[in-house]
Amino acid sequence: MHVDPNKKFDIRNVERNLREGIITEEEYREFLESLPDASHKVLREDQQEGEGEE
């Protein structure tokens, strides 16, 4: 089966790729750890758009 390398860790495919041995748990964990921190983009429920931006 051909697996597009750009979609190997796509959330829609990751469970199947783990199950079929296309990726390992360790590879997936390393991928997740390599993602940039985007916590500054989170908007809490009690916060309005534009609030808290410096």
C-alpha atoms as a PDB file:
ATOM      1  CA  MET A   1       0.000   0.000   0.000  1.00  0.00           C
ATOM      2  CA  HIS A   2       1.328   3.446  -0.935  1.00  0.00           C
ATOM      3  CA  VAL A   3       1.447   5.884   1.965  1.00  0.00           C
ATOM      4  CA  ASP A   4       1.911   9.573   1.232  1.00  0.00           C
ATOM      5  CA  PRO A   5       4.785  10.633   3.530  1.00  0.00           C
ATOM      6  CA  ASN A   6       3.103  14.008   4.037  1.00  0.00           C
ATOM      7  CA  LYS A   7       0.027  12.291   5.467  1.00  0.00           C
ATOM      8  CA  LYS A   8       1.717   9.555   7.495  1.00  0.00           C
ATOM      9  CA  PHE A   9       0.956  11.382  10.766  1.00  0.00           C
ATOM     10  CA  ASP A  10      -2.339  12.927   9.661  1.00  0.00           C
ATOM     11  CA  ILE A  11      -4.775  12.581  12.567  1.00  0.00           C
ATOM     12  CA  ARG A  12      -7.300  10.945  10.227  1.00  0.00           C
ATOM     13  CA  ASN A  13      -4.812   8.175   9.371  1.00  0.00           C
ATOM     14  CA  VAL A  14      -2.611   7.763  12.423  1.00  0.00           C
ATOM     15  CA  GLU A  15      -4.627   5.012  14.160  1.00  0.00           C
ATOM     16  CA  ARG A  16      -4.675   2.879  11.018  1.00  0.00           C
ATOM     17  CA  ASN A  17      -0.979   3.547  10.367  1.00  0.00           C
ATOM     18  CA  LEU A  18      -0.134   2.441  13.913  1.00  0.00           C
ATOM     19  CA  ARG A  19      -2.308  -0.663  13.622  1.00  0.00           C
ATOM     20  CA  GLU A  20      -0.819  -1.639  10.250  1.00  0.00           C
ATOM     21  CA  GLY A  21       2.769  -1.019  11.382  1.00  0.00           C
ATOM     22  CA  ILE A  22       3.379   1.857   8.976  1.00  0.00           C
ATOM     23  CA  ILE A  23       4.523   3.959  11.945  1.00  0.00           C
ATOM     24  CA  THR A  24       5.543   2.967  15.461  1.00  0.00           C
ATOM     25  CA  GLU A  25       4.378   4.435  18.756  1.00  0.00           C
ATOM     26  CA  GLU A  26       7.869   5.872  19.195  1.00  0.00           C
ATOM     27  CA  GLU A  27       7.818   7.558  15.770  1.00  0.00           C
ATOM     28  CA  TYR A  28       4.403   9.044  16.551  1.00  0.00           C
ATOM     29  CA  ARG A  29       5.563  10.269  19.966  1.00  0.00           C
ATOM     30  CA  GLU A  30       8.647  11.879  18.390  1.00  0.00           C
ATOM     31  CA  PHE A  31       6.449  13.543  15.776  1.00  0.00           C
ATOM     32  CA  LEU A  32       4.153  14.976  18.459  1.00  0.00           C
ATOM     33  CA  GLU A  33       7.120  16.239  20.482  1.00  0.00           C
ATOM     34  CA  SER A  34       8.533  17.971  17.394  1.00  0.00           C
ATOM     35  CA  LEU A  35       5.422  20.069  16.844  1.00  0.00           C
ATOM     36  CA  PRO A  36       5.773  23.753  17.737  1.00  0.00           C
ATOM     37  CA  ASP A  37       4.135  25.118  20.876  1.00  0.00           C
ATOM     38  CA  ALA A  38       0.965  26.939  19.838  1.00  0.00           C
ATOM     39  CA  SER A  39      -0.517  27.404  23.306  1.00  0.00           C
ATOM     40  CA  HIS A  40      -0.437  31.188  22.831  1.00  0.00           C
ATOM     41  CA  LYS A  41      -3.120  30.763  20.151  1.00  0.00           C
ATOM     42  CA  VAL A  42      -5.655  29.145  22.501  1.00  0.00           C
ATOM     43  CA  LEU A  43      -8.684  31.242  23.378  1.00  0.00           C
ATOM     44  CA  ARG A  44     -10.195  30.358  26.744  1.00  0.00           C
ATOM     45  CA  GLU A  45     -13.994  30.291  27.075  1.00  0.00           C
ATOM     46  CA  ASP A  46     -13.963  33.271  29.440  1.00  0.00           C
ATOM     47  CA  GLN A  47     -11.708  35.320  27.151  1.00  0.00           C
ATOM     48  CA  GLN A  48     -12.867  37.442  24.235  1.00  0.00           C
ATOM     49  CA  GLU A  49     -11.048  37.883  20.928  1.00  0.00           C
ATOM     50  CA  GLY A  50      -8.344  40.552  21.146  1.00  0.00           C
ATOM     51  CA  GLU A  51      -8.202  40.377  24.941  1.00  0.00           C
ATOM     52  CA  GLY A  52      -4.841  39.494  26.421  1.00  0.00           C
ATOM     53  CA  GLU A  53      -2.893  40.276  23.291  1.00  0.00           C
ATOM     54  CA  GLU A  54       0.133  42.424  23.967  1.00  0.00           C
END
